[in-house]
């Protein structure tokens, strides 16, 4: 019987650089309420969101992903030709085929293996874990992970459950070998019995040939699940990294809703002094892009810095979830 050889890769991995792209158009609650039957006070009380960003007609999902990826490559010092794998997490690429990742790789000048990950708002943390394992396993020298969404084109502007929540943006990181582990073991899973809670559904009133679906969500069900079930997942990832909660410098949850973030932080009993990401207030819920965007905001605002130890956790449609402890990377432009 022939013996198949196996590759061996890096003993440890880390995020080597992070880049983001935020669309120029800032959308206030007042603008949302020009169509939605609501007001600024109600939106802020319910979600914490003050503003969000919507991509313009000249800012496609592929454009945003490419901009963020180029920034991540530049700050990491890694060339596109060195990237072995591109993993793009999104729920709003309008086509199943071709996937977005190969197109972005081509725009970067790379012939890397490239594929999309569909895990809803948990997509970035899923892709980060896969990238780390590919590098550790020897099947990738460097991997590029991108979380990107253009949710503004997948919304019913009259839906009081979603119209004020979702937004657009992109974040990307380069994952590569490191002397010390900068990406801890993932704690992840899914609960398909609740798959009906967050869905994309066809709509006759607001659909188009290009975007025939809109996001629908049972917000109360999500709130009852996320800040409670995810506390145990977060603890599992901390334990898997061989750390305690006191070792953390920052907490970066998926920016779903400020009330969820605050409740989850309380359930985790985070010690005083740990910085907590609250980018949802200014950026809205950008689904698979929210974690890298939140990291960038924390570093830019001086709440955290490259080299800090941070707990990431993301959760969303599926219902899917993933969490890992990481070392925060250098951020482009800072």
Protein backbone atom coordinates (compact mmCIF):
# COMPACT_ATOMS: atom_id res chain seq x y z
CA UNK A 1 0.00 0.00 0.00
CA UNK A 2 1.45 3.38 -1.04
CA UNK A 3 2.09 5.88 1.75
CA UNK A 4 0.81 9.40 1.15
CA UNK A 5 3.08 12.19 2.32
CA UNK A 6 1.75 14.97 4.51
CA UNK A 7 2.75 18.61 4.66
CA UNK A 8 3.73 20.36 7.84
CA UNK A 9 3.39 24.09 8.27
CA UNK A 10 4.00 26.79 10.83
CA UNK A 11 3.91 25.91 14.50
CA UNK A 12 2.02 29.14 15.21
CA UNK A 13 0.08 31.76 13.28
CA UNK A 14 -0.99 35.36 13.73
CA UNK A 15 -2.78 38.19 11.97
CA UNK A 16 0.07 40.17 10.38
CA UNK A 17 -1.91 43.22 9.31
CA UNK A 18 -5.46 44.55 9.09
CA UNK A 19 -7.06 46.86 6.55
CA UNK A 20 -10.62 48.15 6.33
CA UNK A 21 -12.88 50.00 3.96
CA UNK A 22 -15.72 52.23 5.14
CA UNK A 23 -17.99 53.72 2.48
CA UNK A 24 -18.04 57.51 2.31
CA UNK A 25 -21.78 57.91 2.69
CA UNK A 26 -22.78 58.45 6.33
CA UNK A 27 -26.44 57.68 7.01
CA UNK A 28 -28.12 59.09 10.10
CA UNK A 29 -31.15 57.72 11.92
CA UNK A 30 -33.10 60.74 10.72
CA UNK A 31 -32.43 59.75 7.11
CA UNK A 32 -33.50 56.16 7.82
CA UNK A 33 -36.73 57.50 9.33
CA UNK A 34 -37.59 59.40 6.16
CA UNK A 35 -38.90 56.01 4.99
CA UNK A 36 -39.10 53.95 8.18
CA UNK A 37 -41.92 54.62 10.63
CA UNK A 38 -39.61 55.32 13.59
CA UNK A 39 -37.40 58.01 15.15
CA UNK A 40 -33.84 58.57 16.32
CA UNK A 41 -34.60 58.05 20.01
CA UNK A 42 -36.37 54.72 19.41
CA UNK A 43 -33.53 53.42 17.22
CA UNK A 44 -30.81 54.39 19.69
CA UNK A 45 -32.74 52.93 22.63
CA UNK A 46 -33.34 49.66 20.81
CA UNK A 47 -29.93 49.19 19.16
CA UNK A 48 -27.46 51.87 20.23
CA UNK A 49 -26.96 52.81 16.57
CA UNK A 50 -26.50 56.50 15.78
CA UNK A 51 -25.14 56.30 12.24
CA UNK A 52 -24.14 53.72 9.67
CA UNK A 53 -22.47 53.71 6.26
CA UNK A 54 -24.07 52.74 2.97
CA UNK A 55 -22.05 52.06 -0.16
CA UNK A 56 -22.76 54.27 -3.15
CA UNK A 57 -23.70 53.02 -6.56
CA UNK A 58 -20.01 53.19 -7.52
CA UNK A 59 -18.91 51.10 -4.49
CA UNK A 60 -19.54 47.42 -5.12
CA UNK A 61 -18.97 44.58 -2.68
CA UNK A 62 -15.97 43.53 -4.77
CA UNK A 63 -14.57 47.08 -4.68
CA UNK A 64 -14.84 47.29 -0.89
CA UNK A 65 -13.25 43.87 -0.42
CA UNK A 66 -10.37 44.76 -2.75
CA UNK A 67 -9.67 48.08 -1.00
CA UNK A 68 -9.57 46.42 2.44
CA UNK A 69 -7.40 43.57 1.15
CA UNK A 70 -4.84 45.92 -0.42
CA UNK A 71 -4.58 47.85 2.84
CA UNK A 72 -4.05 44.62 4.80
CA UNK A 73 -1.33 43.46 2.41
CA UNK A 74 0.45 46.80 2.60
CA UNK A 75 0.54 47.02 6.39
CA UNK A 76 1.59 43.37 6.73
CA UNK A 77 4.44 43.74 4.23
CA UNK A 78 3.23 40.69 2.31
CA UNK A 79 2.87 40.80 -1.48
CA UNK A 80 -0.19 39.46 -3.29
CA UNK A 81 2.04 36.91 -5.01
CA UNK A 82 2.86 35.42 -1.60
CA UNK A 83 -0.77 34.73 -0.75
CA UNK A 84 -1.68 31.05 -1.14
CA UNK A 85 -5.36 31.28 -0.19
CA UNK A 86 -8.04 33.97 -0.21
CA UNK A 87 -11.09 33.33 1.98
CA UNK A 88 -13.93 35.82 1.68
CA UNK A 89 -16.80 35.82 4.18
CA UNK A 90 -20.06 37.38 3.01
CA UNK A 91 -23.80 36.88 2.77
CA UNK A 92 -24.42 39.62 0.22
CA UNK A 93 -22.46 38.67 -2.89
CA UNK A 94 -25.30 38.67 -5.38
CA UNK A 95 -24.15 35.51 -7.21
CA UNK A 96 -23.49 32.00 -6.00
CA UNK A 97 -21.27 31.49 -9.04
CA UNK A 98 -18.72 32.84 -9.57
CA UNK A 99 -17.79 33.36 -5.94
CA UNK A 100 -16.42 36.74 -4.92
CA UNK A 101 -13.04 35.52 -3.63
CA UNK A 102 -11.50 34.48 -7.00
CA UNK A 103 -12.49 37.83 -8.52
CA UNK A 104 -10.91 39.74 -5.64
CA UNK A 105 -7.78 37.58 -5.86
CA UNK A 106 -7.49 38.39 -9.56
CA UNK A 107 -7.89 42.11 -8.86
CA UNK A 108 -5.00 41.84 -6.42
CA UNK A 109 -2.84 40.07 -8.99
CA UNK A 110 -3.00 36.70 -7.23
CA UNK A 111 -3.69 33.19 -8.57
CA UNK A 112 -4.27 31.88 -5.07
CA UNK A 113 -6.88 29.30 -4.18
CA UNK A 114 -9.94 31.39 -3.40
CA UNK A 115 -13.37 30.62 -2.01
CA UNK A 116 -16.27 32.24 -0.16
CA UNK A 117 -17.52 31.35 3.31
CA UNK A 118 -21.21 31.76 4.11
CA UNK A 119 -21.67 31.75 7.87
CA UNK A 120 -23.65 34.94 8.29
CA UNK A 121 -22.32 37.40 10.84
CA UNK A 122 -19.95 34.70 12.14
CA UNK A 123 -18.23 34.43 8.75
CA UNK A 124 -15.07 36.38 9.56
CA UNK A 125 -14.25 34.33 12.67
CA UNK A 126 -14.95 31.11 10.73
CA UNK A 127 -12.66 32.21 7.90
CA UNK A 128 -9.94 33.29 10.33
CA UNK A 129 -9.87 29.85 11.92
CA UNK A 130 -9.76 28.08 8.56
CA UNK A 131 -6.94 30.34 7.38
CA UNK A 132 -4.92 29.70 10.54
CA UNK A 133 -5.32 25.94 10.17
CA UNK A 134 -4.28 26.08 6.50
CA UNK A 135 -1.05 27.87 7.41
CA UNK A 136 -0.37 25.56 10.35
CA UNK A 137 -1.08 22.54 8.19
CA UNK A 138 1.29 23.63 5.44
CA UNK A 139 -1.34 24.07 2.72
CA UNK A 140 -0.93 27.86 2.71
CA UNK A 141 2.13 30.00 3.28
CA UNK A 142 0.03 33.13 3.83
CA UNK A 143 -3.74 33.48 3.71
CA UNK A 144 -5.88 36.53 3.15
CA UNK A 145 -9.16 36.69 5.09
CA UNK A 146 -11.84 39.22 4.07
CA UNK A 147 -15.18 40.01 5.67
CA UNK A 148 -17.36 42.20 3.46
CA UNK A 149 -21.03 43.07 3.18
CA UNK A 150 -23.26 45.35 1.14
CA UNK A 151 -26.39 44.87 3.20
CA UNK A 152 -27.96 48.15 2.11
CA UNK A 153 -29.09 46.43 -1.09
CA UNK A 154 -30.58 43.47 0.80
CA UNK A 155 -32.92 45.44 3.06
CA UNK A 156 -36.57 46.38 3.09
CA UNK A 157 -36.38 50.08 4.08
CA UNK A 158 -39.84 49.86 5.68
CA UNK A 159 -39.05 46.85 7.90
CA UNK A 160 -38.87 48.08 11.51
CA UNK A 161 -36.93 44.95 12.48
CA UNK A 162 -33.97 45.40 10.12
CA UNK A 163 -33.95 48.69 8.20
CA UNK A 164 -32.09 50.66 10.88
CA UNK A 165 -29.64 47.89 11.81
CA UNK A 166 -27.65 46.75 8.80
CA UNK A 167 -24.89 48.58 6.92
CA UNK A 168 -21.94 48.18 4.55
CA UNK A 169 -18.17 47.84 4.83
CA UNK A 170 -15.16 45.53 4.61
CA UNK A 171 -12.24 44.36 6.70
CA UNK A 172 -9.32 42.10 5.82
CA UNK A 173 -6.36 40.48 7.55
CA UNK A 174 -3.27 38.62 6.38
CA UNK A 175 -2.69 35.40 8.31
CA UNK A 176 0.82 33.94 8.35
CA UNK A 177 3.48 32.15 10.39
CA UNK A 178 4.49 33.61 13.75
CA UNK A 179 7.00 32.85 16.46
CA UNK A 180 4.28 32.96 19.11
CA UNK A 181 0.65 31.98 18.69
CA UNK A 182 -1.48 34.98 17.78
CA UNK A 183 -4.65 33.06 16.87
CA UNK A 184 -6.03 30.71 19.49
CA UNK A 185 -8.12 27.56 18.99
CA UNK A 186 -11.63 28.24 17.74
CA UNK A 187 -14.77 27.45 19.71
CA UNK A 188 -17.56 27.19 17.18
CA UNK A 189 -20.77 25.47 16.25
CA UNK A 190 -24.30 25.96 14.96
CA UNK A 191 -27.93 25.53 15.92
CA UNK A 192 -29.84 24.78 12.76
CA UNK A 193 -33.06 24.32 14.74
CA UNK A 194 -33.14 28.13 14.87
CA UNK A 195 -32.25 28.72 11.24
CA UNK A 196 -35.57 30.50 10.70
CA UNK A 197 -34.55 33.35 13.01
CA UNK A 198 -32.34 35.15 10.42
CA UNK A 199 -33.07 34.53 6.76
CA UNK A 200 -32.99 36.00 3.27
CA UNK A 201 -36.43 35.99 1.73
CA UNK A 202 -37.81 37.01 -1.68
CA UNK A 203 -39.92 40.14 -1.69
CA UNK A 204 -42.16 41.48 -4.43
CA UNK A 205 -42.13 45.10 -3.30
CA UNK A 206 -38.42 45.87 -3.02
CA UNK A 207 -36.62 43.21 -5.02
CA UNK A 208 -34.82 43.53 -8.31
CA UNK A 209 -33.24 41.16 -10.77
CA UNK A 210 -29.82 41.85 -9.22
CA UNK A 211 -30.94 41.67 -5.59
CA UNK A 212 -34.06 39.52 -5.37
CA UNK A 213 -33.81 38.86 -1.61
CA UNK A 214 -34.03 40.87 1.60
CA UNK A 215 -32.81 40.03 5.10
CA UNK A 216 -35.48 39.25 7.66
CA UNK A 217 -34.82 38.73 11.34
CA UNK A 218 -36.69 37.81 14.50
CA UNK A 219 -34.90 40.31 16.71
CA UNK A 220 -36.38 39.17 20.02
CA UNK A 221 -35.29 35.59 19.40
CA UNK A 222 -31.76 36.71 18.58
CA UNK A 223 -31.57 38.79 21.76
CA UNK A 224 -32.79 35.88 23.88
CA UNK A 225 -30.12 33.61 22.39
CA UNK A 226 -26.93 35.55 21.64
CA UNK A 227 -25.87 37.24 24.91
CA UNK A 228 -26.54 34.14 26.98
CA UNK A 229 -25.51 31.15 24.85
CA UNK A 230 -22.46 33.00 23.52
CA UNK A 231 -21.03 33.57 27.01
CA UNK A 232 -20.29 29.84 27.28
CA UNK A 233 -18.74 29.79 23.79
CA UNK A 234 -16.49 32.73 24.73
CA UNK A 235 -15.36 30.98 27.90
CA UNK A 236 -14.56 27.86 25.87
CA UNK A 237 -12.29 29.82 23.52
CA UNK A 238 -10.48 31.48 26.44
CA UNK A 239 -9.91 28.11 28.08
CA UNK A 240 -8.78 26.62 24.76
CA UNK A 241 -6.16 29.35 24.48
CA UNK A 242 -4.83 28.41 27.93
CA UNK A 243 -5.74 31.82 29.33
CA UNK A 244 -8.12 33.32 31.84
CA UNK A 245 -10.46 36.25 31.37
CA UNK A 246 -8.01 38.38 33.37
CA UNK A 247 -5.43 37.94 30.59
CA UNK A 248 -7.59 39.85 28.11
CA UNK A 249 -7.00 43.45 27.08
CA UNK A 250 -9.99 43.79 24.76
CA UNK A 251 -13.34 42.22 23.93
CA UNK A 252 -14.45 42.41 20.30
CA UNK A 253 -17.87 40.85 19.76
CA UNK A 254 -19.81 40.93 16.52
CA UNK A 255 -21.42 44.36 16.37
CA UNK A 256 -25.02 43.15 16.24
CA UNK A 257 -26.62 45.51 18.69
CA UNK A 258 -25.28 47.55 21.61
CA UNK A 259 -27.73 45.94 24.02
CA UNK A 260 -26.46 42.48 23.06
CA UNK A 261 -22.84 43.60 23.51
CA UNK A 262 -23.50 45.08 26.95
CA UNK A 263 -25.51 42.06 28.13
CA UNK A 264 -22.88 39.62 26.88
CA UNK A 265 -20.12 41.61 28.61
CA UNK A 266 -22.06 41.46 31.88
CA UNK A 267 -22.68 37.74 31.53
CA UNK A 268 -18.96 37.18 30.99
CA UNK A 269 -18.20 39.24 34.12
CA UNK A 270 -15.38 41.05 32.32
CA UNK A 271 -12.91 42.67 34.74
CA UNK A 272 -12.68 46.45 34.86
CA UNK A 273 -10.21 47.88 32.39
CA UNK A 274 -10.98 45.54 29.49
CA UNK A 275 -11.81 47.62 26.42
CA UNK A 276 -15.12 46.69 24.77
CA UNK A 277 -15.81 47.31 21.08
CA UNK A 278 -18.87 49.49 20.47
CA UNK A 279 -18.38 50.32 16.79
CA UNK A 280 -22.04 49.41 16.15
CA UNK A 281 -22.94 52.90 17.38
CA UNK A 282 -21.24 54.53 14.40
CA UNK A 283 -21.09 51.73 11.82
CA UNK A 284 -24.26 49.72 12.35
CA UNK A 285 -24.31 45.95 11.93
CA UNK A 286 -22.02 45.05 9.04
CA UNK A 287 -22.39 41.29 9.52
CA UNK A 288 -19.21 39.45 8.40
CA UNK A 289 -17.28 42.74 8.26
CA UNK A 290 -18.14 43.88 11.79
CA UNK A 291 -15.32 42.22 13.75
CA UNK A 292 -12.39 43.58 11.67
CA UNK A 293 -14.09 46.99 11.44
CA UNK A 294 -14.51 47.03 15.22
CA UNK A 295 -10.85 46.13 15.76
CA UNK A 296 -9.79 48.99 13.50
CA UNK A 297 -12.05 51.44 15.34
CA UNK A 298 -10.69 50.42 18.74
CA UNK A 299 -7.07 50.85 17.63
CA UNK A 300 -7.79 54.13 15.82
CA UNK A 301 -9.55 55.55 18.89
CA UNK A 302 -6.77 54.43 21.25
CA UNK A 303 -8.93 51.92 23.14
CA UNK A 304 -6.61 49.06 22.13
CA UNK A 305 -3.31 48.64 20.33
CA UNK A 306 -1.45 46.16 18.17
CA UNK A 307 -0.10 43.38 20.38
CA UNK A 308 -3.02 43.42 22.79
CA UNK A 309 -4.78 40.15 23.62
CA UNK A 310 -8.40 40.22 22.48
CA UNK A 311 -11.38 37.91 22.64
CA UNK A 312 -13.30 37.73 19.37
CA UNK A 313 -16.78 36.26 19.09
CA UNK A 314 -19.31 36.39 16.27
CA UNK A 315 -22.77 34.92 15.85
CA UNK A 316 -25.59 35.13 13.37
CA UNK A 317 -27.60 33.39 10.66
CA UNK A 318 -27.54 29.65 10.78
CA UNK A 319 -27.54 30.07 13.68
CA UNK A 320 -23.74 29.92 13.49
CA UNK A 321 -21.10 31.11 15.93
CA UNK A 322 -17.32 31.18 16.40
CA UNK A 323 -14.89 32.61 18.95
CA UNK A 324 -11.12 32.77 19.36
CA UNK A 325 -8.53 34.67 21.37
CA UNK A 326 -6.11 36.63 19.20
CA UNK A 327 -3.25 39.08 19.29
CA UNK A 328 -4.38 42.30 17.65
CA UNK A 329 -2.46 43.07 14.43
CA UNK A 330 -0.99 46.31 13.08
CA UNK A 331 -3.70 48.38 11.40
CA UNK A 332 -3.30 50.13 8.06
CA UNK A 333 -3.15 53.91 8.22
CA UNK A 334 -2.42 54.08 11.95
